[in-house]
Amino acid sequence: MAGVHPDRVIPGAEPSRGVVLAGLVTACRPSGVSWEADLQAGPVVVTCRLAGPPPAPGEPLTVTALAPPCFGPDGMALPGTVFD
């Protein structure tokens, strides 16, 4: 299990800026002035905050996690995921 803060996830594939994740939307919901989508990328589910409405559940979505620190279930950054 790992997590990336939704504000560190952007739509589209930008491998020079972080880790590219592609998968299917499993859920979406409005979140104030933005939207949140849950992306099933292999065995991992990532919550993504997007400026506009995401694809419908079951549709594909590609995002980039910006130079993330990734966190495990204990809330601590996973080794090798903190970038300067």
PDB file of N, CA and C in Angstrom:
ATOM      1  N   MET A   1       0.853  -1.183   0.000  1.00  0.00           N
ATOM      2  CA  MET A   1       0.000   0.000   0.000  1.00  0.00           C
ATOM      3  C   MET A   1       0.893   1.239   0.000  1.00  0.00           C
ATOM      4  N   ALA A   2       0.560   2.213  -0.838  1.00  0.00           N
ATOM      5  CA  ALA A   2       1.312   3.464  -0.896  1.00  0.00           C
ATOM      6  C   ALA A   2       0.342   4.581  -1.214  1.00  0.00           C
ATOM      7  N   GLY A   3       0.730   5.814  -0.933  1.00  0.00           N
ATOM      8  CA  GLY A   3      -0.132   6.949  -1.217  1.00  0.00           C
ATOM      9  C   GLY A   3       0.652   8.138  -1.718  1.00  0.00           C
ATOM     10  N   VAL A   4       0.010   8.930  -2.534  1.00  0.00           N
ATOM     11  CA  VAL A   4       0.562  10.180  -3.043  1.00  0.00           C
ATOM     12  C   VAL A   4      -0.513  11.232  -2.812  1.00  0.00           C
ATOM     13  N   HIS A   5      -0.156  12.364  -2.230  1.00  0.00           N
ATOM     14  CA  HIS A   5      -1.143  13.412  -1.993  1.00  0.00           C
ATOM     15  C   HIS A   5      -1.802  13.796  -3.318  1.00  0.00           C
ATOM     16  N   PRO A   6      -3.120  13.890  -3.365  1.00  0.00           N
ATOM     17  CA  PRO A   6      -3.804  14.186  -4.625  1.00  0.00           C
ATOM     18  C   PRO A   6      -3.336  15.472  -5.300  1.00  0.00           C
ATOM     19  N   ASP A   7      -2.859  16.447  -4.534  1.00  0.00           N
ATOM     20  CA  ASP A   7      -2.367  17.683  -5.143  1.00  0.00           C
ATOM     21  C   ASP A   7      -1.049  17.489  -5.876  1.00  0.00           C
ATOM     22  N   ARG A   8      -0.397  16.333  -5.697  1.00  0.00           N
ATOM     23  CA  ARG A   8       0.872  16.043  -6.369  1.00  0.00           C
ATOM     24  C   ARG A   8       0.658  15.171  -7.597  1.00  0.00           C
ATOM     25  N   VAL A   9      -0.610  15.047  -8.053  1.00  0.00           N
ATOM     26  CA  VAL A   9      -0.945  14.230  -9.212  1.00  0.00           C
ATOM     27  C   VAL A   9      -1.542  15.142 -10.280  1.00  0.00           C
ATOM     28  N   ILE A  10      -0.980  15.059 -11.505  1.00  0.00           N
ATOM     29  CA  ILE A  10      -1.483  15.875 -12.611  1.00  0.00           C
ATOM     30  C   ILE A  10      -1.944  14.957 -13.742  1.00  0.00           C
ATOM     31  N   PRO A  11      -2.919  15.404 -14.549  1.00  0.00           N
ATOM     32  CA  PRO A  11      -3.367  14.569 -15.662  1.00  0.00           C
ATOM     33  C   PRO A  11      -2.308  14.483 -16.747  1.00  0.00           C
ATOM     34  N   GLY A  12      -2.276  13.358 -17.436  1.00  0.00           N
ATOM     35  CA  GLY A  12      -1.370  13.165 -18.561  1.00  0.00           C
ATOM     36  C   GLY A  12      -0.064  12.503 -18.163  1.00  0.00           C
ATOM     37  N   ALA A  13       0.699  12.109 -19.181  1.00  0.00           N
ATOM     38  CA  ALA A  13       1.979  11.438 -18.986  1.00  0.00           C
ATOM     39  C   ALA A  13       3.125  12.435 -19.144  1.00  0.00           C
ATOM     40  N   GLU A  14       3.830  12.712 -18.047  1.00  0.00           N
ATOM     41  CA  GLU A  14       4.998  13.592 -18.067  1.00  0.00           C
ATOM     42  C   GLU A  14       6.136  12.911 -17.311  1.00  0.00           C
ATOM     43  N   PRO A  15       6.774  11.900 -17.939  1.00  0.00           N
ATOM     44  CA  PRO A  15       7.787  11.113 -17.231  1.00  0.00           C
ATOM     45  C   PRO A  15       8.980  11.921 -16.740  1.00  0.00           C
ATOM     46  N   SER A  16       9.249  13.064 -17.323  1.00  0.00           N
ATOM     47  CA  SER A  16      10.371  13.885 -16.851  1.00  0.00           C
ATOM     48  C   SER A  16      10.051  14.582 -15.532  1.00  0.00           C
ATOM     49  N   ARG A  17       8.767  14.586 -15.137  1.00  0.00           N
ATOM     50  CA  ARG A  17       8.356  15.285 -13.908  1.00  0.00           C
ATOM     51  C   ARG A  17       8.016  14.355 -12.755  1.00  0.00           C
ATOM     52  N   GLY A  18       7.897  13.046 -13.022  1.00  0.00           N
ATOM     53  CA  GLY A  18       7.532  12.126 -11.952  1.00  0.00           C
ATOM     54  C   GLY A  18       7.208  10.746 -12.469  1.00  0.00           C
ATOM     55  N   VAL A  19       6.374  10.037 -11.729  1.00  0.00           N
ATOM     56  CA  VAL A  19       6.011   8.658 -12.032  1.00  0.00           C
ATOM     57  C   VAL A  19       4.671   8.647 -12.773  1.00  0.00           C
ATOM     58  N   VAL A  20       4.657   8.060 -13.973  1.00  0.00           N
ATOM     59  CA  VAL A  20       3.439   7.981 -14.779  1.00  0.00           C
ATOM     60  C   VAL A  20       2.651   6.744 -14.364  1.00  0.00           C
ATOM     61  N   LEU A  21       1.355   6.939 -14.098  1.00  0.00           N
ATOM     62  CA  LEU A  21       0.450   5.855 -13.734  1.00  0.00           C
ATOM     63  C   LEU A  21      -0.707   5.837 -14.714  1.00  0.00           C
ATOM     64  N   ALA A  22      -1.048   4.664 -15.213  1.00  0.00           N
ATOM     65  CA  ALA A  22      -2.180   4.530 -16.132  1.00  0.00           C
ATOM     66  C   ALA A  22      -3.067   3.405 -15.626  1.00  0.00           C
ATOM     67  N   GLY A  23      -4.363   3.601 -15.747  1.00  0.00           N
ATOM     68  CA  GLY A  23      -5.293   2.577 -15.302  1.00  0.00           C
ATOM     69  C   GLY A  23      -6.714   2.997 -15.595  1.00  0.00           C
ATOM     70  N   LEU A  24      -7.643   2.430 -14.814  1.00  0.00           N
ATOM     71  CA  LEU A  24      -9.059   2.717 -14.994  1.00  0.00           C
ATOM     72  C   LEU A  24      -9.599   3.487 -13.803  1.00  0.00           C
ATOM     73  N   VAL A  25     -10.493   4.423 -14.080  1.00  0.00           N
ATOM     74  CA  VAL A  25     -11.174   5.167 -13.021  1.00  0.00           C
ATOM     75  C   VAL A  25     -12.155   4.211 -12.337  1.00  0.00           C
ATOM     76  N   THR A  26     -12.084   4.146 -11.002  1.00  0.00           N
ATOM     77  CA  THR A  26     -13.023   3.292 -10.257  1.00  0.00           C
ATOM     78  C   THR A  26     -14.113   4.109  -9.579  1.00  0.00           C
ATOM     79  N   ALA A  27     -13.858   5.397  -9.342  1.00  0.00           N
ATOM     80  CA  ALA A  27     -14.852   6.277  -8.725  1.00  0.00           C
ATOM     81  C   ALA A  27     -14.444   7.720  -9.003  1.00  0.00           C
ATOM     82  N   CYS A  28     -15.416   8.614  -9.022  1.00  0.00           N
ATOM     83  CA  CYS A  28     -15.117  10.039  -9.155  1.00  0.00           C
ATOM     84  C   CYS A  28     -16.147  10.825  -8.356  1.00  0.00           C
ATOM     85  N   ARG A  29     -15.713  12.013  -7.890  1.00  0.00           N
ATOM     86  CA  ARG A  29     -16.599  12.835  -7.066  1.00  0.00           C
ATOM     87  C   ARG A  29     -16.135  14.287  -7.116  1.00  0.00           C
ATOM     88  N   PRO A  30     -17.078  15.233  -7.032  1.00  0.00           N
ATOM     89  CA  PRO A  30     -16.685  16.640  -6.952  1.00  0.00           C
ATOM     90  C   PRO A  30     -16.005  16.898  -5.612  1.00  0.00           C
ATOM     91  N   SER A  31     -15.050  17.828  -5.624  1.00  0.00           N
ATOM     92  CA  SER A  31     -14.315  18.189  -4.405  1.00  0.00           C
ATOM     93  C   SER A  31     -14.076  19.693  -4.421  1.00  0.00           C
ATOM     94  N   GLY A  32     -15.078  20.453  -4.009  1.00  0.00           N
ATOM     95  CA  GLY A  32     -14.963  21.916  -4.052  1.00  0.00           C
ATOM     96  C   GLY A  32     -14.903  22.389  -5.488  1.00  0.00           C
ATOM     97  N   VAL A  33     -13.835  23.111  -5.838  1.00  0.00           N
ATOM     98  CA  VAL A  33     -13.693  23.626  -7.199  1.00  0.00           C
ATOM     99  C   VAL A  33     -13.004  22.633  -8.120  1.00  0.00           C
ATOM    100  N   SER A  34     -12.655  21.450  -7.615  1.00  0.00           N
ATOM    101  CA  SER A  34     -11.985  20.443  -8.432  1.00  0.00           C
ATOM    102  C   SER A  34     -12.753  19.123  -8.342  1.00  0.00           C
ATOM    103  N   TRP A  35     -12.174  18.082  -8.903  1.00  0.00           N
ATOM    104  CA  TRP A  35     -12.753  16.742  -8.878  1.00  0.00           C
ATOM    105  C   TRP A  35     -11.719  15.779  -8.332  1.00  0.00           C
ATOM    106  N   GLU A  36     -12.171  14.691  -7.747  1.00  0.00           N
ATOM    107  CA  GLU A  36     -11.281  13.610  -7.349  1.00  0.00           C
ATOM    108  C   GLU A  36     -11.699  12.357  -8.104  1.00  0.00           C
ATOM    109  N   ALA A  37     -10.690  11.607  -8.550  1.00  0.00           N
ATOM    110  CA  ALA A  37     -10.932  10.330  -9.211  1.00  0.00           C
ATOM    111  C   ALA A  37     -10.039   9.294  -8.559  1.00  0.00           C
ATOM    112  N   ASP A  38     -10.575   8.108  -8.338  1.00  0.00           N
ATOM    113  CA  ASP A  38      -9.770   6.987  -7.873  1.00  0.00           C
ATOM    114  C   ASP A  38      -9.336   6.209  -9.104  1.00  0.00           C
ATOM    115  N   LEU A  39      -8.022   6.034  -9.238  1.00  0.00           N
ATOM    116  CA  LEU A  39      -7.424   5.381 -10.396  1.00  0.00           C
ATOM    117  C   LEU A  39      -6.859   4.040  -9.963  1.00  0.00           C
ATOM    118  N   GLN A  40      -7.358   2.958 -10.551  1.00  0.00           N
ATOM    119  CA  GLN A  40      -6.816   1.617 -10.298  1.00  0.00           C
ATOM    120  C   GLN A  40      -5.689   1.407 -11.298  1.00  0.00           C
ATOM    121  N   ALA A  41      -4.443   1.474 -10.804  1.00  0.00           N
ATOM    122  CA  ALA A  41      -3.251   1.304 -11.641  1.00  0.00           C
ATOM    123  C   ALA A  41      -2.575   0.012 -11.202  1.00  0.00           C
ATOM    124  N   GLY A  42      -2.921  -1.095 -11.833  1.00  0.00           N
ATOM    125  CA  GLY A  42      -2.430  -2.397 -11.380  1.00  0.00           C
ATOM    126  C   GLY A  42      -3.020  -2.690 -10.012  1.00  0.00           C
ATOM    127  N   PRO A  43      -2.170  -3.092  -9.048  1.00  0.00           N
ATOM    128  CA  PRO A  43      -2.696  -3.408  -7.716  1.00  0.00           C
ATOM    129  C   PRO A  43      -2.884  -2.179  -6.825  1.00  0.00           C
ATOM    130  N   VAL A  44      -2.562  -0.990  -7.345  1.00  0.00           N
ATOM    131  CA  VAL A  44      -2.573   0.231  -6.543  1.00  0.00           C
ATOM    132  C   VAL A  44      -3.755   1.106  -6.925  1.00  0.00           C
ATOM    133  N   VAL A  45      -4.422   1.701  -5.925  1.00  0.00           N
ATOM    134  CA  VAL A  45      -5.458   2.702  -6.172  1.00  0.00           C
ATOM    135  C   VAL A  45      -4.894   4.050  -5.734  1.00  0.00           C
ATOM    136  N   VAL A  46      -4.915   5.024  -6.645  1.00  0.00           N
ATOM    137  CA  VAL A  46      -4.398   6.368  -6.385  1.00  0.00           C
ATOM    138  C   VAL A  46      -5.543   7.357  -6.509  1.00  0.00           C
ATOM    139  N   THR A  47      -5.713   8.229  -5.509  1.00  0.00           N
ATOM    140  CA  THR A  47      -6.703   9.298  -5.596  1.00  0.00           C
ATOM    141  C   THR A  47      -6.051  10.493  -6.271  1.00  0.00           C
ATOM    142  N   CYS A  48      -6.694  10.986  -7.320  1.00  0.00           N
ATOM    143  CA  CYS A  48      -6.155  12.080  -8.128  1.00  0.00           C
ATOM    144  C   CYS A  48      -7.090  13.275  -8.025  1.00  0.00           C
ATOM    145  N   ARG A  49      -6.559  14.449  -7.770  1.00  0.00           N
ATOM    146  CA  ARG A  49      -7.358  15.671  -7.793  1.00  0.00           C
ATOM    147  C   ARG A  49      -7.156  16.309  -9.159  1.00  0.00           C
ATOM    148  N   LEU A  50      -8.252  16.600  -9.848  1.00  0.00           N
ATOM    149  CA  LEU A  50      -8.201  17.120 -11.206  1.00  0.00           C
ATOM    150  C   LEU A  50      -8.992  18.413 -11.296  1.00  0.00           C
ATOM    151  N   ALA A  51      -8.577  19.303 -12.193  1.00  0.00           N
ATOM    152  CA  ALA A  51      -9.239  20.596 -12.347  1.00  0.00           C
ATOM    153  C   ALA A  51     -10.629  20.452 -12.957  1.00  0.00           C
ATOM    154  N   GLY A  52     -10.794  19.491 -13.863  1.00  0.00           N
ATOM    155  CA  GLY A  52     -12.084  19.305 -14.518  1.00  0.00           C
ATOM    156  C   GLY A  52     -12.622  17.917 -14.251  1.00  0.00           C
ATOM    157  N   PRO A  53     -13.835  17.651 -14.730  1.00  0.00           N
ATOM    158  CA  PRO A  53     -14.432  16.343 -14.503  1.00  0.00           C
ATOM    159  C   PRO A  53     -13.548  15.228 -15.080  1.00  0.00           C
ATOM    160  N   PRO A  54     -13.346  14.144 -14.327  1.00  0.00           N
ATOM    161  CA  PRO A  54     -12.554  13.021 -14.816  1.00  0.00           C
ATOM    162  C   PRO A  54     -13.381  12.140 -15.735  1.00  0.00           C
ATOM    163  N   PRO A  55     -12.728  11.183 -16.386  1.00  0.00           N
ATOM    164  CA  PRO A  55     -13.496  10.198 -17.145  1.00  0.00           C
ATOM    165  C   PRO A  55     -14.445   9.435 -16.208  1.00  0.00           C
ATOM    166  N   ALA A  56     -15.451   8.844 -16.762  1.00  0.00           N
ATOM    167  CA  ALA A  56     -16.420   8.070 -15.982  1.00  0.00           C
ATOM    168  C   ALA A  56     -15.775   6.796 -15.440  1.00  0.00           C
ATOM    169  N   PRO A  57     -16.317   6.251 -14.353  1.00  0.00           N
ATOM    170  CA  PRO A  57     -15.812   4.978 -13.849  1.00  0.00           C
ATOM    171  C   PRO A  57     -15.767   3.923 -14.965  1.00  0.00           C
ATOM    172  N   GLY A  58     -14.659   3.178 -14.992  1.00  0.00           N
ATOM    173  CA  GLY A  58     -14.440   2.174 -16.028  1.00  0.00           C
ATOM    174  C   GLY A  58     -13.653   2.689 -17.211  1.00  0.00           C
ATOM    175  N   GLU A  59     -13.497   4.016 -17.315  1.00  0.00           N
ATOM    176  CA  GLU A  59     -12.750   4.615 -18.424  1.00  0.00           C
ATOM    177  C   GLU A  59     -11.262   4.747 -18.055  1.00  0.00           C
ATOM    178  N   PRO A  60     -10.373   4.761 -19.066  1.00  0.00           N
ATOM    179  CA  PRO A  60      -8.941   4.891 -18.784  1.00  0.00           C
ATOM    180  C   PRO A  60      -8.551   6.311 -18.381  1.00  0.00           C
ATOM    181  N   LEU A  61      -7.495   6.393 -17.578  1.00  0.00           N
ATOM    182  CA  LEU A  61      -6.933   7.675 -17.154  1.00  0.00           C
ATOM    183  C   LEU A  61      -5.436   7.491 -16.963  1.00  0.00           C
ATOM    184  N   THR A  62      -4.657   8.455 -17.444  1.00  0.00           N
ATOM    185  CA  THR A  62      -3.210   8.470 -17.234  1.00  0.00           C
ATOM    186  C   THR A  62      -2.867   9.739 -16.482  1.00  0.00           C
ATOM    187  N   VAL A  63      -2.075   9.612 -15.427  1.00  0.00           N
ATOM    188  CA  VAL A  63      -1.661  10.744 -14.606  1.00  0.00           C
ATOM    189  C   VAL A  63      -0.178  10.618 -14.296  1.00  0.00           C
ATOM    190  N   THR A  64       0.397  11.713 -13.819  1.00  0.00           N
ATOM    191  CA  THR A  64       1.780  11.722 -13.363  1.00  0.00           C
ATOM    192  C   THR A  64       1.806  12.151 -11.909  1.00  0.00           C
ATOM    193  N   ALA A  65       2.435  11.337 -11.073  1.00  0.00           N
ATOM    194  CA  ALA A  65       2.661  11.687  -9.665  1.00  0.00           C
ATOM    195  C   ALA A  65       3.962  12.487  -9.638  1.00  0.00           C
ATOM    196  N   LEU A  66       3.870  13.765  -9.303  1.00  0.00           N
ATOM    197  CA  LEU A  66       5.011  14.672  -9.375  1.00  0.00           C
ATOM    198  C   LEU A  66       6.052  14.356  -8.318  1.00  0.00           C
ATOM    199  N   ALA A  67       7.233  13.971  -8.764  1.00  0.00           N
ATOM    200  CA  ALA A  67       8.381  13.736  -7.887  1.00  0.00           C
ATOM    201  C   ALA A  67       7.948  13.466  -6.455  1.00  0.00           C
ATOM    202  N   PRO A  68       7.180  12.405  -6.279  1.00  0.00           N
ATOM    203  CA  PRO A  68       6.516  12.251  -4.991  1.00  0.00           C
ATOM    204  C   PRO A  68       7.401  11.715  -3.887  1.00  0.00           C
ATOM    205  N   PRO A  69       7.152  12.166  -2.678  1.00  0.00           N
ATOM    206  CA  PRO A  69       7.417  11.209  -1.628  1.00  0.00           C
ATOM    207  C   PRO A  69       6.174  10.329  -1.562  1.00  0.00           C
ATOM    208  N   CYS A  70       6.354   9.034  -1.506  1.00  0.00           N
ATOM    209  CA  CYS A  70       5.235   8.100  -1.352  1.00  0.00           C
ATOM    210  C   CYS A  70       5.238   7.607   0.080  1.00  0.00           C
ATOM    211  N   PHE A  71       4.065   7.372   0.625  1.00  0.00           N
ATOM    212  CA  PHE A  71       3.928   7.019   2.029  1.00  0.00           C
ATOM    213  C   PHE A  71       3.313   5.644   2.198  1.00  0.00           C
ATOM    214  N   GLY A  72       3.818   4.901   3.160  1.00  0.00           N
ATOM    215  CA  GLY A  72       3.267   3.603   3.499  1.00  0.00           C
ATOM    216  C   GLY A  72       2.146   3.735   4.495  1.00  0.00           C
ATOM    217  N   PRO A  73       1.557   2.600   4.919  1.00  0.00           N
ATOM    218  CA  PRO A  73       0.419   2.627   5.847  1.00  0.00           C
ATOM    219  C   PRO A  73       0.735   3.296   7.182  1.00  0.00           C
ATOM    220  N   ASP A  74       2.021   3.331   7.559  1.00  0.00           N
ATOM    221  CA  ASP A  74       2.401   3.956   8.829  1.00  0.00           C
ATOM    222  C   ASP A  74       2.576   5.461   8.705  1.00  0.00           C
ATOM    223  N   GLY A  75       2.373   6.020   7.496  1.00  0.00           N
ATOM    224  CA  GLY A  75       2.506   7.459   7.295  1.00  0.00           C
ATOM    225  C   GLY A  75       3.923   7.929   7.049  1.00  0.00           C
ATOM    226  N   MET A  76       4.876   7.007   7.034  1.00  0.00           N
ATOM    227  CA  MET A  76       6.272   7.373   6.813  1.00  0.00           C
ATOM    228  C   MET A  76       6.601   7.275   5.323  1.00  0.00           C
ATOM    229  N   ALA A  77       7.484   8.163   4.856  1.00  0.00           N
ATOM    230  CA  ALA A  77       7.885   8.156   3.447  1.00  0.00           C
ATOM    231  C   ALA A  77       8.607   6.843   3.143  1.00  0.00           C
ATOM    232  N   LEU A  78       8.256   6.248   1.995  1.00  0.00           N
ATOM    233  CA  LEU A  78       8.901   5.009   1.576  1.00  0.00           C
ATOM    234  C   LEU A  78      10.310   5.311   1.073  1.00  0.00           C
ATOM    235  N   PRO A  79      11.288   4.480   1.398  1.00  0.00           N
ATOM    236  CA  PRO A  79      12.661   4.712   0.935  1.00  0.00           C
ATOM    237  C   PRO A  79      12.742   4.844  -0.573  1.00  0.00           C
ATOM    238  N   GLY A  80      13.573   5.762  -1.030  1.00  0.00           N
ATOM    239  CA  GLY A  80      13.785   5.952  -2.461  1.00  0.00           C
ATOM    240  C   GLY A  80      12.709   6.750  -3.152  1.00  0.00           C
ATOM    241  N   THR A  81      11.746   7.320  -2.410  1.00  0.00           N
ATOM    242  CA  THR A  81      10.671   8.072  -3.056  1.00  0.00           C
ATOM    243  C   THR A  81      10.701   9.553  -2.730  1.00  0.00           C
ATOM    244  N   VAL A  82      11.706  10.000  -2.020  1.00  0.00           N
ATOM    245  CA  VAL A  82      11.828  11.424  -1.697  1.00  0.00           C
ATOM    246  C   VAL A  82      12.879  12.015  -2.620  1.00  0.00           C
ATOM    247  N   PHE A  83      12.476  12.993  -3.425  1.00  0.00           N
ATOM    248  CA  PHE A  83      13.368  13.602  -4.410  1.00  0.00           C
ATOM    249  C   PHE A  83      13.734  15.004  -3.964  1.00  0.00           C
ATOM    250  N   ASP A  84      14.957  15.407  -4.249  1.00  0.00           N
ATOM    251  CA  ASP A  84      15.406  16.780  -3.938  1.00  0.00           C
ATOM    252  C   ASP A  84      15.026  17.727  -5.049  1.00  0.00           C
TER     253      ASP A  84
END
